[in-house]
Amino acid sequence: MERLDQIFHHPLYQSLLRKIEEYEVHRPFCLHDLNHFLDTARIMWILNLEEKKGFEKEMIYATALLHDLGRAAQYEHEISHELAGKEIALKILGDCGFLEEEIDWICYAISSHRKPIEGEGTESPKEELAFLLYRADKISRKCYACKAAKDCYWPMEKRNLTIEN
């Protein structure tokens, strides 16, 4: 998966990973780091296989590796990280040899990963990818075992309080 290595080694990707790490150095919960990105990717891949969605592994991993990179812009400029992330993904994916349709689908998933898509099962493939990301992102959070849960700003109904996948 050469293109995934290109994403990871891309100077913009590395720069933003470091910035997010600096901003979150004292954050006690829900870090947006490589571990979170890979957890999300692996869960997306499992869901993809279990539900026979048919997405290629590289597409799944590229989506997950890029989905929260906009956090740096959110911390610096108070803009939504999903919209900033879409713009970042456009730059990185174009440099890493992704096709126009792949870029479109990945950017759509990133830009909509914080809201569920209604009517699961009736979505276009692009919406299916976005819904996989949304679900995997939430499942990856280990709220049920978080030592900082009492300080979390997430409402209880959004927290992942059970072990899934």
N, C-alpha and C. Protein backbone atom coordinates (compact mmCIF):
# COMPACT_ATOMS: atom_id res chain seq x y z
N MET A 1 0.85 -1.18 0.00
CA MET A 1 0.00 0.00 0.00
C MET A 1 0.89 1.24 0.00
N GLU A 2 1.51 1.39 -1.13
CA GLU A 2 2.48 2.45 -1.32
C GLU A 2 1.88 3.85 -1.09
N ARG A 3 0.65 4.05 -1.54
CA ARG A 3 0.06 5.39 -1.39
C ARG A 3 -0.19 5.74 0.08
N LEU A 4 -0.43 4.75 0.92
CA LEU A 4 -0.59 5.03 2.35
C LEU A 4 0.73 5.49 2.96
N ASP A 5 1.82 4.86 2.54
CA ASP A 5 3.14 5.31 3.00
C ASP A 5 3.41 6.74 2.53
N GLN A 6 2.98 7.05 1.31
CA GLN A 6 3.15 8.41 0.81
C GLN A 6 2.35 9.41 1.65
N ILE A 7 1.14 9.02 2.04
CA ILE A 7 0.35 9.90 2.92
C ILE A 7 1.11 10.12 4.22
N PHE A 8 1.52 9.03 4.86
CA PHE A 8 2.17 9.14 6.16
C PHE A 8 3.45 9.98 6.10
N HIS A 9 4.21 9.84 5.04
CA HIS A 9 5.48 10.57 4.93
C HIS A 9 5.34 11.94 4.28
N HIS A 10 4.14 12.30 3.88
CA HIS A 10 3.91 13.60 3.25
C HIS A 10 4.28 14.70 4.26
N PRO A 11 5.03 15.70 3.85
CA PRO A 11 5.45 16.76 4.79
C PRO A 11 4.28 17.46 5.49
N LEU A 12 3.19 17.71 4.78
CA LEU A 12 2.04 18.34 5.40
C LEU A 12 1.42 17.43 6.45
N TYR A 13 1.31 16.15 6.15
CA TYR A 13 0.76 15.18 7.11
C TYR A 13 1.61 15.17 8.37
N GLN A 14 2.91 15.04 8.22
CA GLN A 14 3.80 14.99 9.37
C GLN A 14 3.74 16.29 10.18
N SER A 15 3.69 17.41 9.49
CA SER A 15 3.61 18.70 10.16
C SER A 15 2.33 18.81 11.00
N LEU A 16 1.22 18.39 10.42
CA LEU A 16 -0.06 18.49 11.14
C LEU A 16 -0.15 17.50 12.29
N LEU A 17 0.42 16.31 12.12
CA LEU A 17 0.46 15.35 13.23
C LEU A 17 1.20 15.95 14.42
N ARG A 18 2.33 16.59 14.15
CA ARG A 18 3.11 17.22 15.23
C ARG A 18 2.34 18.37 15.88
N LYS A 19 1.68 19.19 15.06
CA LYS A 19 0.91 20.31 15.61
C LYS A 19 -0.22 19.82 16.52
N ILE A 20 -0.94 18.81 16.07
CA ILE A 20 -2.04 18.28 16.87
C ILE A 20 -1.48 17.71 18.19
N GLU A 21 -0.37 17.01 18.11
CA GLU A 21 0.26 16.47 19.31
C GLU A 21 0.62 17.59 20.29
N GLU A 22 1.15 18.68 19.77
CA GLU A 22 1.50 19.82 20.63
C GLU A 22 0.25 20.42 21.28
N TYR A 23 -0.81 20.59 20.51
CA TYR A 23 -2.04 21.16 21.05
C TYR A 23 -2.69 20.24 22.09
N GLU A 24 -2.49 18.94 21.95
CA GLU A 24 -3.17 17.99 22.83
C GLU A 24 -2.26 17.41 23.90
N VAL A 25 -1.11 17.99 24.09
CA VAL A 25 -0.13 17.43 25.02
C VAL A 25 -0.70 17.29 26.44
N HIS A 26 -1.59 18.16 26.85
CA HIS A 26 -2.18 18.09 28.19
C HIS A 26 -3.62 17.59 28.18
N ARG A 27 -4.10 17.18 27.04
CA ARG A 27 -5.47 16.69 26.92
C ARG A 27 -5.55 15.29 27.54
N PRO A 28 -6.44 15.08 28.50
CA PRO A 28 -6.47 13.79 29.21
C PRO A 28 -7.27 12.69 28.50
N PHE A 29 -7.97 13.01 27.44
CA PHE A 29 -8.82 12.02 26.79
C PHE A 29 -8.89 12.26 25.28
N CYS A 30 -9.30 11.26 24.55
CA CYS A 30 -9.60 11.34 23.11
C CYS A 30 -8.54 12.08 22.30
N LEU A 31 -7.35 11.55 22.29
CA LEU A 31 -6.30 12.16 21.47
C LEU A 31 -6.56 11.88 20.00
N HIS A 32 -6.11 12.80 19.18
CA HIS A 32 -6.26 12.68 17.73
C HIS A 32 -4.88 12.44 17.15
N ASP A 33 -4.39 11.24 17.39
CA ASP A 33 -3.03 10.88 17.01
C ASP A 33 -3.04 9.69 16.07
N LEU A 34 -1.85 9.22 15.72
CA LEU A 34 -1.74 8.11 14.80
C LEU A 34 -2.44 6.86 15.35
N ASN A 35 -2.38 6.65 16.66
CA ASN A 35 -3.08 5.49 17.24
C ASN A 35 -4.58 5.57 16.97
N HIS A 36 -5.16 6.75 17.15
CA HIS A 36 -6.59 6.92 16.87
C HIS A 36 -6.88 6.69 15.39
N PHE A 37 -6.03 7.23 14.53
CA PHE A 37 -6.25 7.07 13.09
C PHE A 37 -6.20 5.60 12.69
N LEU A 38 -5.23 4.87 13.23
CA LEU A 38 -5.11 3.44 12.89
C LEU A 38 -6.21 2.61 13.52
N ASP A 39 -6.61 2.92 14.75
CA ASP A 39 -7.76 2.23 15.36
C ASP A 39 -9.00 2.41 14.49
N THR A 40 -9.22 3.64 14.06
CA THR A 40 -10.37 3.94 13.21
C THR A 40 -10.28 3.16 11.90
N ALA A 41 -9.10 3.12 11.31
CA ALA A 41 -8.92 2.39 10.04
C ALA A 41 -9.21 0.91 10.22
N ARG A 42 -8.69 0.33 11.28
CA ARG A 42 -8.89 -1.12 11.49
C ARG A 42 -10.36 -1.43 11.74
N ILE A 43 -11.04 -0.60 12.49
CA ILE A 43 -12.46 -0.82 12.73
C ILE A 43 -13.25 -0.63 11.44
N MET A 44 -12.91 0.39 10.67
CA MET A 44 -13.56 0.57 9.36
C MET A 44 -13.38 -0.67 8.50
N TRP A 45 -12.17 -1.21 8.51
CA TRP A 45 -11.88 -2.39 7.69
C TRP A 45 -12.72 -3.59 8.16
N ILE A 46 -12.81 -3.78 9.46
CA ILE A 46 -13.62 -4.88 10.01
C ILE A 46 -15.08 -4.71 9.59
N LEU A 47 -15.63 -3.51 9.78
CA LEU A 47 -17.03 -3.26 9.39
C LEU A 47 -17.23 -3.50 7.90
N ASN A 48 -16.28 -3.03 7.10
CA ASN A 48 -16.32 -3.21 5.65
C ASN A 48 -16.40 -4.69 5.29
N LEU A 49 -15.58 -5.50 5.94
CA LEU A 49 -15.58 -6.94 5.67
C LEU A 49 -16.85 -7.62 6.17
N GLU A 50 -17.22 -7.32 7.41
CA GLU A 50 -18.40 -7.94 8.00
C GLU A 50 -19.67 -7.62 7.21
N GLU A 51 -19.76 -6.40 6.74
CA GLU A 51 -20.97 -5.95 6.04
C GLU A 51 -20.86 -6.07 4.52
N LYS A 52 -19.74 -6.62 4.08
CA LYS A 52 -19.51 -6.87 2.64
C LYS A 52 -19.73 -5.61 1.79
N LYS A 53 -19.14 -4.51 2.26
CA LYS A 53 -19.27 -3.23 1.54
C LYS A 53 -18.41 -3.20 0.28
N GLY A 54 -17.27 -3.88 0.30
CA GLY A 54 -16.46 -3.98 -0.90
C GLY A 54 -15.44 -2.87 -1.12
N PHE A 55 -15.19 -2.05 -0.11
CA PHE A 55 -14.19 -1.00 -0.29
C PHE A 55 -12.79 -1.61 -0.22
N GLU A 56 -11.89 -1.05 -1.01
CA GLU A 56 -10.50 -1.49 -0.98
C GLU A 56 -9.84 -1.01 0.31
N LYS A 57 -8.91 -1.82 0.78
CA LYS A 57 -8.24 -1.53 2.05
C LYS A 57 -7.54 -0.16 2.01
N GLU A 58 -6.91 0.14 0.90
CA GLU A 58 -6.18 1.41 0.79
C GLU A 58 -7.13 2.61 0.91
N MET A 59 -8.32 2.48 0.37
CA MET A 59 -9.33 3.54 0.45
C MET A 59 -9.77 3.75 1.91
N ILE A 60 -10.00 2.65 2.60
CA ILE A 60 -10.41 2.69 4.01
C ILE A 60 -9.32 3.37 4.85
N TYR A 61 -8.11 2.90 4.70
CA TYR A 61 -7.00 3.42 5.51
C TYR A 61 -6.68 4.87 5.20
N ALA A 62 -6.73 5.24 3.93
CA ALA A 62 -6.48 6.64 3.56
C ALA A 62 -7.52 7.55 4.23
N THR A 63 -8.76 7.14 4.20
CA THR A 63 -9.83 7.92 4.82
C THR A 63 -9.57 8.11 6.30
N ALA A 64 -9.27 7.02 6.98
CA ALA A 64 -9.05 7.08 8.43
C ALA A 64 -7.78 7.85 8.80
N LEU A 65 -6.72 7.68 8.04
CA LEU A 65 -5.47 8.38 8.34
C LEU A 65 -5.62 9.90 8.25
N LEU A 66 -6.55 10.35 7.42
CA LEU A 66 -6.69 11.78 7.17
C LEU A 66 -7.86 12.42 7.92
N HIS A 67 -8.75 11.65 8.50
CA HIS A 67 -10.04 12.19 8.93
C HIS A 67 -9.99 13.27 10.00
N ASP A 68 -9.00 13.29 10.87
CA ASP A 68 -8.94 14.30 11.94
C ASP A 68 -7.77 15.27 11.79
N LEU A 69 -7.12 15.30 10.64
CA LEU A 69 -5.98 16.21 10.48
C LEU A 69 -6.38 17.67 10.56
N GLY A 70 -7.64 17.98 10.32
CA GLY A 70 -8.11 19.35 10.44
C GLY A 70 -8.16 19.87 11.86
N ARG A 71 -7.87 19.02 12.82
CA ARG A 71 -7.86 19.45 14.23
C ARG A 71 -6.87 20.60 14.45
N ALA A 72 -5.74 20.59 13.77
CA ALA A 72 -4.77 21.68 13.94
C ALA A 72 -5.41 23.01 13.57
N ALA A 73 -6.14 23.05 12.47
CA ALA A 73 -6.82 24.29 12.05
C ALA A 73 -7.93 24.65 13.04
N GLN A 74 -8.58 23.66 13.58
CA GLN A 74 -9.63 23.92 14.58
C GLN A 74 -9.01 24.58 15.81
N TYR A 75 -7.90 24.07 16.27
CA TYR A 75 -7.23 24.65 17.44
C TYR A 75 -6.69 26.05 17.15
N GLU A 76 -6.16 26.26 15.95
CA GLU A 76 -5.54 27.54 15.61
C GLU A 76 -6.53 28.61 15.21
N HIS A 77 -7.58 28.22 14.48
CA HIS A 77 -8.47 29.22 13.87
C HIS A 77 -9.94 29.04 14.24
N GLU A 78 -10.22 28.06 15.11
CA GLU A 78 -11.59 27.80 15.54
C GLU A 78 -12.55 27.55 14.38
N ILE A 79 -12.08 26.78 13.40
CA ILE A 79 -12.94 26.37 12.30
C ILE A 79 -13.21 24.87 12.44
N SER A 80 -14.25 24.38 11.80
CA SER A 80 -14.59 22.97 11.95
C SER A 80 -13.48 22.09 11.37
N HIS A 81 -13.09 21.11 12.14
CA HIS A 81 -11.97 20.26 11.70
C HIS A 81 -12.34 19.38 10.52
N GLU A 82 -13.61 19.06 10.37
CA GLU A 82 -13.98 18.21 9.23
C GLU A 82 -13.89 18.97 7.91
N LEU A 83 -14.21 20.25 7.91
CA LEU A 83 -14.08 21.04 6.67
C LEU A 83 -12.62 21.38 6.38
N ALA A 84 -11.88 21.71 7.42
CA ALA A 84 -10.44 21.94 7.24
C ALA A 84 -9.76 20.65 6.78
N GLY A 85 -10.20 19.53 7.35
CA GLY A 85 -9.63 18.24 6.98
C GLY A 85 -9.87 17.87 5.53
N LYS A 86 -11.02 18.24 5.02
CA LYS A 86 -11.33 17.99 3.61
C LYS A 86 -10.32 18.72 2.72
N GLU A 87 -10.04 19.98 3.03
CA GLU A 87 -9.08 20.75 2.23
C GLU A 87 -7.67 20.18 2.32
N ILE A 88 -7.30 19.74 3.49
CA ILE A 88 -5.98 19.13 3.69
C ILE A 88 -5.89 17.83 2.89
N ALA A 89 -6.95 17.03 2.98
CA ALA A 89 -6.97 15.75 2.26
C ALA A 89 -6.86 15.97 0.75
N LEU A 90 -7.51 16.99 0.24
CA LEU A 90 -7.41 17.30 -1.20
C LEU A 90 -5.95 17.48 -1.61
N LYS A 91 -5.21 18.22 -0.81
CA LYS A 91 -3.80 18.48 -1.12
C LYS A 91 -2.97 17.20 -1.05
N ILE A 92 -3.13 16.48 0.05
CA ILE A 92 -2.29 15.30 0.28
C ILE A 92 -2.63 14.19 -0.71
N LEU A 93 -3.91 13.90 -0.89
CA LEU A 93 -4.30 12.81 -1.78
C LEU A 93 -3.87 13.06 -3.22
N GLY A 94 -3.98 14.30 -3.64
CA GLY A 94 -3.54 14.65 -5.00
C GLY A 94 -2.05 14.41 -5.19
N ASP A 95 -1.28 14.66 -4.16
CA ASP A 95 0.17 14.44 -4.23
C ASP A 95 0.54 12.97 -4.15
N CYS A 96 -0.38 12.14 -3.67
CA CYS A 96 -0.06 10.73 -3.42
C CYS A 96 -0.65 9.78 -4.45
N GLY A 97 -1.12 10.30 -5.58
CA GLY A 97 -1.54 9.46 -6.67
C GLY A 97 -2.94 8.90 -6.61
N PHE A 98 -3.80 9.47 -5.77
CA PHE A 98 -5.18 9.01 -5.71
C PHE A 98 -5.96 9.56 -6.91
N LEU A 99 -6.88 8.78 -7.40
CA LEU A 99 -7.70 9.17 -8.53
C LEU A 99 -8.77 10.17 -8.10
N GLU A 100 -9.28 10.92 -9.05
CA GLU A 100 -10.27 11.97 -8.77
C GLU A 100 -11.48 11.42 -8.00
N GLU A 101 -12.01 10.28 -8.41
CA GLU A 101 -13.18 9.71 -7.73
C GLU A 101 -12.82 9.28 -6.31
N GLU A 102 -11.65 8.70 -6.12
CA GLU A 102 -11.21 8.32 -4.77
C GLU A 102 -11.10 9.54 -3.88
N ILE A 103 -10.51 10.60 -4.39
CA ILE A 103 -10.35 11.84 -3.64
C ILE A 103 -11.72 12.39 -3.27
N ASP A 104 -12.65 12.39 -4.21
CA ASP A 104 -14.00 12.87 -3.96
C ASP A 104 -14.66 12.09 -2.83
N TRP A 105 -14.59 10.78 -2.88
CA TRP A 105 -15.23 9.94 -1.86
C TRP A 105 -14.59 10.13 -0.49
N ILE A 106 -13.25 10.15 -0.46
CA ILE A 106 -12.54 10.30 0.82
C ILE A 106 -12.84 11.68 1.42
N CYS A 107 -12.79 12.70 0.59
CA CYS A 107 -13.07 14.06 1.10
C CYS A 107 -14.51 14.20 1.57
N TYR A 108 -15.43 13.56 0.89
CA TYR A 108 -16.83 13.58 1.34
C TYR A 108 -16.94 12.91 2.71
N ALA A 109 -16.30 11.77 2.87
CA ALA A 109 -16.35 11.06 4.16
C ALA A 109 -15.76 11.92 5.27
N ILE A 110 -14.64 12.54 5.01
CA ILE A 110 -13.99 13.38 6.02
C ILE A 110 -14.87 14.57 6.38
N SER A 111 -15.45 15.20 5.38
CA SER A 111 -16.25 16.41 5.63
C SER A 111 -17.56 16.11 6.35
N SER A 112 -17.99 14.86 6.33
CA SER A 112 -19.27 14.53 6.97
C SER A 112 -19.12 13.50 8.09
N HIS A 113 -17.92 13.29 8.61
CA HIS A 113 -17.72 12.21 9.56
C HIS A 113 -18.22 12.49 10.98
N ARG A 114 -18.71 13.67 11.23
CA ARG A 114 -19.22 13.97 12.57
C ARG A 114 -20.73 13.87 12.67
N LYS A 115 -21.38 13.56 11.58
CA LYS A 115 -22.83 13.44 11.63
C LYS A 115 -23.26 12.13 10.97
N PRO A 116 -24.19 11.42 11.59
CA PRO A 116 -24.63 10.18 10.96
C PRO A 116 -25.44 10.46 9.71
N ILE A 117 -25.39 9.54 8.78
CA ILE A 117 -26.16 9.66 7.55
C ILE A 117 -27.42 8.84 7.73
N GLU A 118 -28.54 9.45 7.45
CA GLU A 118 -29.84 8.79 7.63
C GLU A 118 -30.02 7.66 6.63
N GLY A 119 -30.82 6.69 7.01
CA GLY A 119 -31.25 5.64 6.09
C GLY A 119 -30.16 4.68 5.71
N GLU A 120 -29.42 4.15 6.67
CA GLU A 120 -28.36 3.19 6.37
C GLU A 120 -28.90 2.10 5.45
N GLY A 121 -28.12 1.73 4.47
CA GLY A 121 -28.51 0.69 3.53
C GLY A 121 -29.03 1.25 2.22
N THR A 122 -29.35 2.53 2.18
CA THR A 122 -29.86 3.12 0.94
C THR A 122 -28.90 4.16 0.38
N GLU A 123 -27.73 4.30 1.00
CA GLU A 123 -26.77 5.33 0.60
C GLU A 123 -26.04 4.95 -0.68
N SER A 124 -25.48 5.95 -1.30
CA SER A 124 -24.56 5.73 -2.40
C SER A 124 -23.26 5.16 -1.80
N PRO A 125 -22.39 4.58 -2.62
CA PRO A 125 -21.11 4.09 -2.09
C PRO A 125 -20.32 5.19 -1.36
N LYS A 126 -20.39 6.40 -1.88
CA LYS A 126 -19.69 7.51 -1.23
C LYS A 126 -20.25 7.74 0.18
N GLU A 127 -21.57 7.68 0.33
CA GLU A 127 -22.19 7.85 1.64
C GLU A 127 -21.92 6.64 2.53
N GLU A 128 -21.82 5.46 1.95
CA GLU A 128 -21.48 4.25 2.72
C GLU A 128 -20.10 4.40 3.35
N LEU A 129 -19.15 4.93 2.58
CA LEU A 129 -17.80 5.15 3.11
C LEU A 129 -17.85 6.14 4.26
N ALA A 130 -18.60 7.22 4.10
CA ALA A 130 -18.74 8.22 5.15
C ALA A 130 -19.37 7.62 6.40
N PHE A 131 -20.36 6.76 6.23
CA PHE A 131 -21.03 6.14 7.37
C PHE A 131 -20.10 5.15 8.07
N LEU A 132 -19.27 4.44 7.32
CA LEU A 132 -18.27 3.57 7.93
C LEU A 132 -17.31 4.38 8.79
N LEU A 133 -16.85 5.51 8.26
CA LEU A 133 -15.94 6.37 9.02
C LEU A 133 -16.62 6.89 10.28
N TYR A 134 -17.84 7.37 10.16
CA TYR A 134 -18.58 7.89 11.31
C TYR A 134 -18.65 6.83 12.41
N ARG A 135 -19.06 5.63 12.04
CA ARG A 135 -19.23 4.56 13.03
C ARG A 135 -17.89 4.14 13.63
N ALA A 136 -16.89 3.94 12.80
CA ALA A 136 -15.58 3.49 13.29
C ALA A 136 -14.94 4.54 14.20
N ASP A 137 -15.11 5.79 13.86
CA ASP A 137 -14.57 6.88 14.68
C ASP A 137 -15.18 6.83 16.08
N LYS A 138 -16.47 6.58 16.16
CA LYS A 138 -17.14 6.52 17.47
C LYS A 138 -16.76 5.24 18.22
N ILE A 139 -16.76 4.11 17.53
CA ILE A 139 -16.43 2.83 18.17
C ILE A 139 -15.00 2.84 18.70
N SER A 140 -14.11 3.56 18.03
CA SER A 140 -12.70 3.58 18.43
C SER A 140 -12.48 4.25 19.78
N ARG A 141 -13.44 5.03 20.21
CA ARG A 141 -13.31 5.73 21.49
C ARG A 141 -13.66 4.80 22.64
N LYS A 142 -12.75 4.67 23.57
CA LYS A 142 -12.91 3.73 24.68
C LYS A 142 -13.43 4.45 25.93
N CYS A 143 -14.57 5.09 25.79
CA CYS A 143 -15.16 5.83 26.91
C CYS A 143 -15.42 4.93 28.11
N TYR A 144 -15.75 3.68 27.85
CA TYR A 144 -16.06 2.72 28.91
C TYR A 144 -14.86 2.47 29.83
N ALA A 145 -13.65 2.79 29.38
CA ALA A 145 -12.45 2.55 30.19
C ALA A 145 -11.64 3.82 30.40
N CYS A 146 -12.21 4.97 30.11
CA CYS A 146 -11.46 6.24 30.17
C CYS A 146 -11.31 6.72 31.61
N LYS A 147 -10.09 7.01 31.98
CA LYS A 147 -9.81 7.51 33.33
C LYS A 147 -10.20 8.98 33.49
N ALA A 148 -10.43 9.66 32.38
CA ALA A 148 -10.80 11.09 32.43
C ALA A 148 -12.28 11.30 32.10
N ALA A 149 -13.08 10.26 32.18
CA ALA A 149 -14.49 10.34 31.77
C ALA A 149 -15.25 11.43 32.53
N LYS A 150 -14.91 11.64 33.79
CA LYS A 150 -15.64 12.65 34.57
C LYS A 150 -15.40 14.06 34.05
N ASP A 151 -14.31 14.27 33.33
CA ASP A 151 -14.00 15.59 32.78
C ASP A 151 -14.42 15.75 31.32
N CYS A 152 -14.97 14.70 30.75
CA CYS A 152 -15.33 14.72 29.34
C CYS A 152 -16.53 15.63 29.08
N TYR A 153 -16.46 16.36 27.99
CA TYR A 153 -17.54 17.27 27.63
C TYR A 153 -18.59 16.59 26.75
N TRP A 154 -18.33 15.38 26.29
CA TRP A 154 -19.31 14.67 25.47
C TRP A 154 -20.53 14.31 26.31
N PRO A 155 -21.73 14.51 25.78
CA PRO A 155 -22.91 14.05 26.52
C PRO A 155 -22.91 12.52 26.60
N MET A 156 -23.53 11.98 27.62
CA MET A 156 -23.54 10.54 27.84
C MET A 156 -24.06 9.77 26.63
N GLU A 157 -25.06 10.30 25.94
CA GLU A 157 -25.64 9.57 24.81
C GLU A 157 -24.68 9.45 23.62
N LYS A 158 -23.63 10.27 23.58
CA LYS A 158 -22.65 10.18 22.50
C LYS A 158 -21.48 9.27 22.85
N ARG A 159 -21.33 8.97 24.12
CA ARG A 159 -20.17 8.19 24.56
C ARG A 159 -20.29 6.71 24.18
N ASN A 160 -19.16 6.13 23.93
CA ASN A 160 -19.08 4.71 23.63
C ASN A 160 -18.89 3.98 24.96
N LEU A 161 -19.97 3.46 25.50
CA LEU A 161 -19.93 2.86 26.83
C LEU A 161 -19.89 1.34 26.81
N THR A 162 -19.77 0.74 25.63
CA THR A 162 -19.68 -0.71 25.52
C THR A 162 -18.55 -1.09 24.57
N ILE A 163 -18.03 -2.26 24.77
CA ILE A 163 -17.00 -2.78 23.87
C ILE A 163 -17.68 -3.27 22.61
N GLU A 164 -17.25 -2.74 21.49
CA GLU A 164 -17.78 -3.16 20.19
C GLU A 164 -16.63 -3.52 19.29
N ASN A 165 -16.84 -4.52 18.47
CA ASN A 165 -15.84 -4.97 17.49
C ASN A 165 -14.48 -5.11 18.12
